[in-house]
Amino acid sequence: MLETRFVIAQMLAAAARTDEALTELEAIRPLLADAFGPESTQVRNLNRQIERMREGG
């Protein structure tokens, strides 16, 4: 499920639907933190991606 939602977020971002992509990424962040730990590489990478989208890049 996490992977599917991540792919959906990527597709939304590619279609310039940034707000929807951010909503998806922010929704899966706590699930990733539960699965891998809040300091995991997966969560850090997701945080970076969310930040880039928020900055418009």
PDB file of N, CA and C in Angstrom:
ATOM      1  N   MET A   1       0.812  -1.189   0.000  1.00  0.00           N
ATOM      2  CA  MET A   1       0.000   0.000   0.000  1.00  0.00           C
ATOM      3  C   MET A   1       0.860   1.259   0.000  1.00  0.00           C
ATOM      4  N   LEU A   2       1.918   1.273   0.793  1.00  0.00           N
ATOM      5  CA  LEU A   2       2.792   2.447   0.832  1.00  0.00           C
ATOM      6  C   LEU A   2       3.401   2.732  -0.527  1.00  0.00           C
ATOM      7  N   GLU A   3       3.883   1.690  -1.156  1.00  0.00           N
ATOM      8  CA  GLU A   3       4.505   1.866  -2.467  1.00  0.00           C
ATOM      9  C   GLU A   3       3.504   2.396  -3.485  1.00  0.00           C
ATOM     10  N   THR A   4       2.295   1.889  -3.439  1.00  0.00           N
ATOM     11  CA  THR A   4       1.263   2.338  -4.370  1.00  0.00           C
ATOM     12  C   THR A   4       0.951   3.811  -4.162  1.00  0.00           C
ATOM     13  N   ARG A   5       0.798   4.209  -2.921  1.00  0.00           N
ATOM     14  CA  ARG A   5       0.498   5.620  -2.640  1.00  0.00           C
ATOM     15  C   ARG A   5       1.665   6.514  -3.023  1.00  0.00           C
ATOM     16  N   PHE A   6       2.881   6.025  -2.849  1.00  0.00           N
ATOM     17  CA  PHE A   6       4.050   6.799  -3.242  1.00  0.00           C
ATOM     18  C   PHE A   6       4.071   6.989  -4.760  1.00  0.00           C
ATOM     19  N   VAL A   7       3.769   5.940  -5.493  1.00  0.00           N
ATOM     20  CA  VAL A   7       3.718   6.035  -6.958  1.00  0.00           C
ATOM     21  C   VAL A   7       2.617   7.005  -7.383  1.00  0.00           C
ATOM     22  N   ILE A   8       1.479   6.937  -6.725  1.00  0.00           N
ATOM     23  CA  ILE A   8       0.391   7.878  -7.028  1.00  0.00           C
ATOM     24  C   ILE A   8       0.867   9.310  -6.798  1.00  0.00           C
ATOM     25  N   ALA A   9       1.553   9.550  -5.698  1.00  0.00           N
ATOM     26  CA  ALA A   9       2.071  10.896  -5.414  1.00  0.00           C
ATOM     27  C   ALA A   9       3.038  11.347  -6.504  1.00  0.00           C
ATOM     28  N   GLN A  10       3.884  10.447  -6.974  1.00  0.00           N
ATOM     29  CA  GLN A  10       4.821  10.786  -8.041  1.00  0.00           C
ATOM     30  C   GLN A  10       4.088  11.134  -9.329  1.00  0.00           C
ATOM     31  N   MET A  11       3.056  10.381  -9.620  1.00  0.00           N
ATOM     32  CA  MET A  11       2.275  10.644 -10.829  1.00  0.00           C
ATOM     33  C   MET A  11       1.550  11.989 -10.727  1.00  0.00           C
ATOM     34  N   LEU A  12       1.020  12.287  -9.557  1.00  0.00           N
ATOM     35  CA  LEU A  12       0.357  13.576  -9.355  1.00  0.00           C
ATOM     36  C   LEU A  12       1.353  14.722  -9.517  1.00  0.00           C
ATOM     37  N   ALA A  13       2.534  14.555  -8.964  1.00  0.00           N
ATOM     38  CA  ALA A  13       3.562  15.592  -9.080  1.00  0.00           C
ATOM     39  C   ALA A  13       3.957  15.789 -10.540  1.00  0.00           C
ATOM     40  N   ALA A  14       4.097  14.706 -11.282  1.00  0.00           N
ATOM     41  CA  ALA A  14       4.466  14.800 -12.692  1.00  0.00           C
ATOM     42  C   ALA A  14       3.381  15.493 -13.514  1.00  0.00           C
ATOM     43  N   ALA A  15       2.146  15.396 -13.045  1.00  0.00           N
ATOM     44  CA  ALA A  15       1.025  16.038 -13.736  1.00  0.00           C
ATOM     45  C   ALA A  15       0.779  17.454 -13.210  1.00  0.00           C
ATOM     46  N   ALA A  16       1.749  17.979 -12.463  1.00  0.00           N
ATOM     47  CA  ALA A  16       1.662  19.338 -11.897  1.00  0.00           C
ATOM     48  C   ALA A  16       0.490  19.489 -10.931  1.00  0.00           C
ATOM     49  N   ARG A  17       0.140  18.413 -10.269  1.00  0.00           N
ATOM     50  CA  ARG A  17      -0.912  18.450  -9.242  1.00  0.00           C
ATOM     51  C   ARG A  17      -0.231  18.373  -7.880  1.00  0.00           C
ATOM     52  N   THR A  18       0.562  19.405  -7.597  1.00  0.00           N
ATOM     53  CA  THR A  18       1.446  19.428  -6.442  1.00  0.00           C
ATOM     54  C   THR A  18       0.696  19.317  -5.123  1.00  0.00           C
ATOM     55  N   ASP A  19      -0.396  20.037  -4.980  1.00  0.00           N
ATOM     56  CA  ASP A  19      -1.138  19.983  -3.717  1.00  0.00           C
ATOM     57  C   ASP A  19      -1.621  18.572  -3.408  1.00  0.00           C
ATOM     58  N   GLU A  20      -2.121  17.908  -4.426  1.00  0.00           N
ATOM     59  CA  GLU A  20      -2.584  16.533  -4.231  1.00  0.00           C
ATOM     60  C   GLU A  20      -1.416  15.584  -3.952  1.00  0.00           C
ATOM     61  N   ALA A  21      -0.297  15.808  -4.627  1.00  0.00           N
ATOM     62  CA  ALA A  21       0.890  14.992  -4.393  1.00  0.00           C
ATOM     63  C   ALA A  21       1.375  15.169  -2.954  1.00  0.00           C
ATOM     64  N   LEU A  22       1.413  16.410  -2.485  1.00  0.00           N
ATOM     65  CA  LEU A  22       1.817  16.675  -1.110  1.00  0.00           C
ATOM     66  C   LEU A  22       0.881  16.015  -0.110  1.00  0.00           C
ATOM     67  N   THR A  23      -0.402  16.051  -0.388  1.00  0.00           N
ATOM     68  CA  THR A  23      -1.371  15.408   0.499  1.00  0.00           C
ATOM     69  C   THR A  23      -1.075  13.924   0.629  1.00  0.00           C
ATOM     70  N   GLU A  24      -0.792  13.272  -0.497  1.00  0.00           N
ATOM     71  CA  GLU A  24      -0.452  11.844  -0.470  1.00  0.00           C
ATOM     72  C   GLU A  24       0.833  11.596   0.314  1.00  0.00           C
ATOM     73  N   LEU A  25       1.875  12.365   0.008  1.00  0.00           N
ATOM     74  CA  LEU A  25       3.162  12.151   0.679  1.00  0.00           C
ATOM     75  C   LEU A  25       3.051  12.399   2.174  1.00  0.00           C
ATOM     76  N   GLU A  26       2.331  13.433   2.563  1.00  0.00           N
ATOM     77  CA  GLU A  26       2.174  13.725   3.989  1.00  0.00           C
ATOM     78  C   GLU A  26       1.345  12.654   4.688  1.00  0.00           C
ATOM     79  N   ALA A  27       0.438  12.023   3.968  1.00  0.00           N
ATOM     80  CA  ALA A  27      -0.379  10.961   4.548  1.00  0.00           C
ATOM     81  C   ALA A  27       0.432   9.685   4.770  1.00  0.00           C
ATOM     82  N   ILE A  28       1.386   9.414   3.889  1.00  0.00           N
ATOM     83  CA  ILE A  28       2.162   8.175   4.064  1.00  0.00           C
ATOM     84  C   ILE A  28       3.359   8.354   4.999  1.00  0.00           C
ATOM     85  N   ARG A  29       3.734   9.592   5.302  1.00  0.00           N
ATOM     86  CA  ARG A  29       4.890   9.821   6.170  1.00  0.00           C
ATOM     87  C   ARG A  29       4.767   9.105   7.517  1.00  0.00           C
ATOM     88  N   PRO A  30       3.641   9.246   8.264  1.00  0.00           N
ATOM     89  CA  PRO A  30       3.554   8.537   9.542  1.00  0.00           C
ATOM     90  C   PRO A  30       3.555   7.017   9.386  1.00  0.00           C
ATOM     91  N   LEU A  31       3.041   6.530   8.263  1.00  0.00           N
ATOM     92  CA  LEU A  31       3.057   5.083   8.021  1.00  0.00           C
ATOM     93  C   LEU A  31       4.490   4.589   7.812  1.00  0.00           C
ATOM     94  N   LEU A  32       5.277   5.375   7.069  1.00  0.00           N
ATOM     95  CA  LEU A  32       6.691   5.024   6.884  1.00  0.00           C
ATOM     96  C   LEU A  32       7.439   5.087   8.213  1.00  0.00           C
ATOM     97  N   ALA A  33       7.141   6.104   9.004  1.00  0.00           N
ATOM     98  CA  ALA A  33       7.805   6.240  10.304  1.00  0.00           C
ATOM     99  C   ALA A  33       7.479   5.046  11.201  1.00  0.00           C
ATOM    100  N   ASP A  34       6.235   4.591  11.164  1.00  0.00           N
ATOM    101  CA  ASP A  34       5.858   3.415  11.958  1.00  0.00           C
ATOM    102  C   ASP A  34       6.565   2.156  11.459  1.00  0.00           C
ATOM    103  N   ALA A  35       6.682   2.040  10.146  1.00  0.00           N
ATOM    104  CA  ALA A  35       7.265   0.833   9.560  1.00  0.00           C
ATOM    105  C   ALA A  35       8.787   0.790   9.686  1.00  0.00           C
ATOM    106  N   PHE A  36       9.449   1.941   9.507  1.00  0.00           N
ATOM    107  CA  PHE A  36      10.902   1.954   9.423  1.00  0.00           C
ATOM    108  C   PHE A  36      11.590   2.766  10.523  1.00  0.00           C
ATOM    109  N   GLY A  37      10.811   3.526  11.280  1.00  0.00           N
ATOM    110  CA  GLY A  37      11.381   4.386  12.309  1.00  0.00           C
ATOM    111  C   GLY A  37      11.436   5.826  11.844  1.00  0.00           C
ATOM    112  N   PRO A  38      11.201   6.755  12.763  1.00  0.00           N
ATOM    113  CA  PRO A  38      11.135   8.170  12.386  1.00  0.00           C
ATOM    114  C   PRO A  38      12.455   8.745  11.875  1.00  0.00           C
ATOM    115  N   GLU A  39      13.560   8.123  12.188  1.00  0.00           N
ATOM    116  CA  GLU A  39      14.872   8.603  11.739  1.00  0.00           C
ATOM    117  C   GLU A  39      15.425   7.785  10.581  1.00  0.00           C
ATOM    118  N   SER A  40      14.584   6.976   9.971  1.00  0.00           N
ATOM    119  CA  SER A  40      15.043   6.081   8.901  1.00  0.00           C
ATOM    120  C   SER A  40      15.368   6.862   7.626  1.00  0.00           C
ATOM    121  N   THR A  41      16.131   6.218   6.782  1.00  0.00           N
ATOM    122  CA  THR A  41      16.468   6.794   5.480  1.00  0.00           C
ATOM    123  C   THR A  41      15.210   7.059   4.668  1.00  0.00           C
ATOM    124  N   GLN A  42      14.252   6.155   4.734  1.00  0.00           N
ATOM    125  CA  GLN A  42      13.019   6.310   3.969  1.00  0.00           C
ATOM    126  C   GLN A  42      12.286   7.586   4.376  1.00  0.00           C
ATOM    127  N   VAL A  43      12.179   7.834   5.672  1.00  0.00           N
ATOM    128  CA  VAL A  43      11.473   9.018   6.161  1.00  0.00           C
ATOM    129  C   VAL A  43      12.269  10.283   5.840  1.00  0.00           C
ATOM    130  N   ARG A  44      13.584  10.231   5.998  1.00  0.00           N
ATOM    131  CA  ARG A  44      14.407  11.404   5.656  1.00  0.00           C
ATOM    132  C   ARG A  44      14.276  11.756   4.183  1.00  0.00           C
ATOM    133  N   ASN A  45      14.296  10.745   3.308  1.00  0.00           N
ATOM    134  CA  ASN A  45      14.140  11.001   1.875  1.00  0.00           C
ATOM    135  C   ASN A  45      12.761  11.566   1.561  1.00  0.00           C
ATOM    136  N   LEU A  46      11.749  11.027   2.199  1.00  0.00           N
ATOM    137  CA  LEU A  46      10.398  11.542   1.989  1.00  0.00           C
ATOM    138  C   LEU A  46      10.299  12.988   2.466  1.00  0.00           C
ATOM    139  N   ASN A  47      10.898  13.287   3.606  1.00  0.00           N
ATOM    140  CA  ASN A  47      10.904  14.663   4.109  1.00  0.00           C
ATOM    141  C   ASN A  47      11.550  15.617   3.107  1.00  0.00           C
ATOM    142  N   ARG A  48      12.645  15.194   2.520  1.00  0.00           N
ATOM    143  CA  ARG A  48      13.315  16.033   1.519  1.00  0.00           C
ATOM    144  C   ARG A  48      12.430  16.251   0.300  1.00  0.00           C
ATOM    145  N   GLN A  49      11.765  15.204  -0.131  1.00  0.00           N
ATOM    146  CA  GLN A  49      10.892  15.334  -1.294  1.00  0.00           C
ATOM    147  C   GLN A  49       9.721  16.273  -0.993  1.00  0.00           C
ATOM    148  N   ILE A  50       9.136  16.154   0.185  1.00  0.00           N
ATOM    149  CA  ILE A  50       8.041  17.037   0.583  1.00  0.00           C
ATOM    150  C   ILE A  50       8.527  18.478   0.606  1.00  0.00           C
ATOM    151  N   GLU A  51       9.697  18.702   1.167  1.00  0.00           N
ATOM    152  CA  GLU A  51      10.240  20.054   1.246  1.00  0.00           C
ATOM    153  C   GLU A  51      10.488  20.650  -0.137  1.00  0.00           C
ATOM    154  N   ARG A  52      11.030  19.842  -1.050  1.00  0.00           N
ATOM    155  CA  ARG A  52      11.252  20.331  -2.425  1.00  0.00           C
ATOM    156  C   ARG A  52       9.941  20.718  -3.088  1.00  0.00           C
ATOM    157  N   MET A  53       8.909  19.918  -2.892  1.00  0.00           N
ATOM    158  CA  MET A  53       7.607  20.247  -3.492  1.00  0.00           C
ATOM    159  C   MET A  53       7.037  21.526  -2.895  1.00  0.00           C
ATOM    160  N   ARG A  54       7.185  21.692  -1.607  1.00  0.00           N
ATOM    161  CA  ARG A  54       6.676  22.899  -0.956  1.00  0.00           C
ATOM    162  C   ARG A  54       7.388  24.138  -1.464  1.00  0.00           C
ATOM    163  N   GLU A  55       8.671  23.969  -1.789  1.00  0.00           N
ATOM    164  CA  GLU A  55       9.469  25.111  -2.286  1.00  0.00           C
ATOM    165  C   GLU A  55       9.235  25.350  -3.777  1.00  0.00           C
ATOM    166  N   GLY A  56       8.498  24.464  -4.402  1.00  0.00           N
ATOM    167  CA  GLY A  56       8.211  24.626  -5.818  1.00  0.00           C
ATOM    168  C   GLY A  56       9.244  24.039  -6.739  1.00  0.00           C
ATOM    169  N   GLY A  57      10.131  23.212  -6.223  1.00  0.00           N
ATOM    170  CA  GLY A  57      11.171  22.637  -7.070  1.00  0.00           C
ATOM    171  C   GLY A  57      11.046  21.222  -7.143  1.00  0.00           C
TER     172      GLY A  57
END
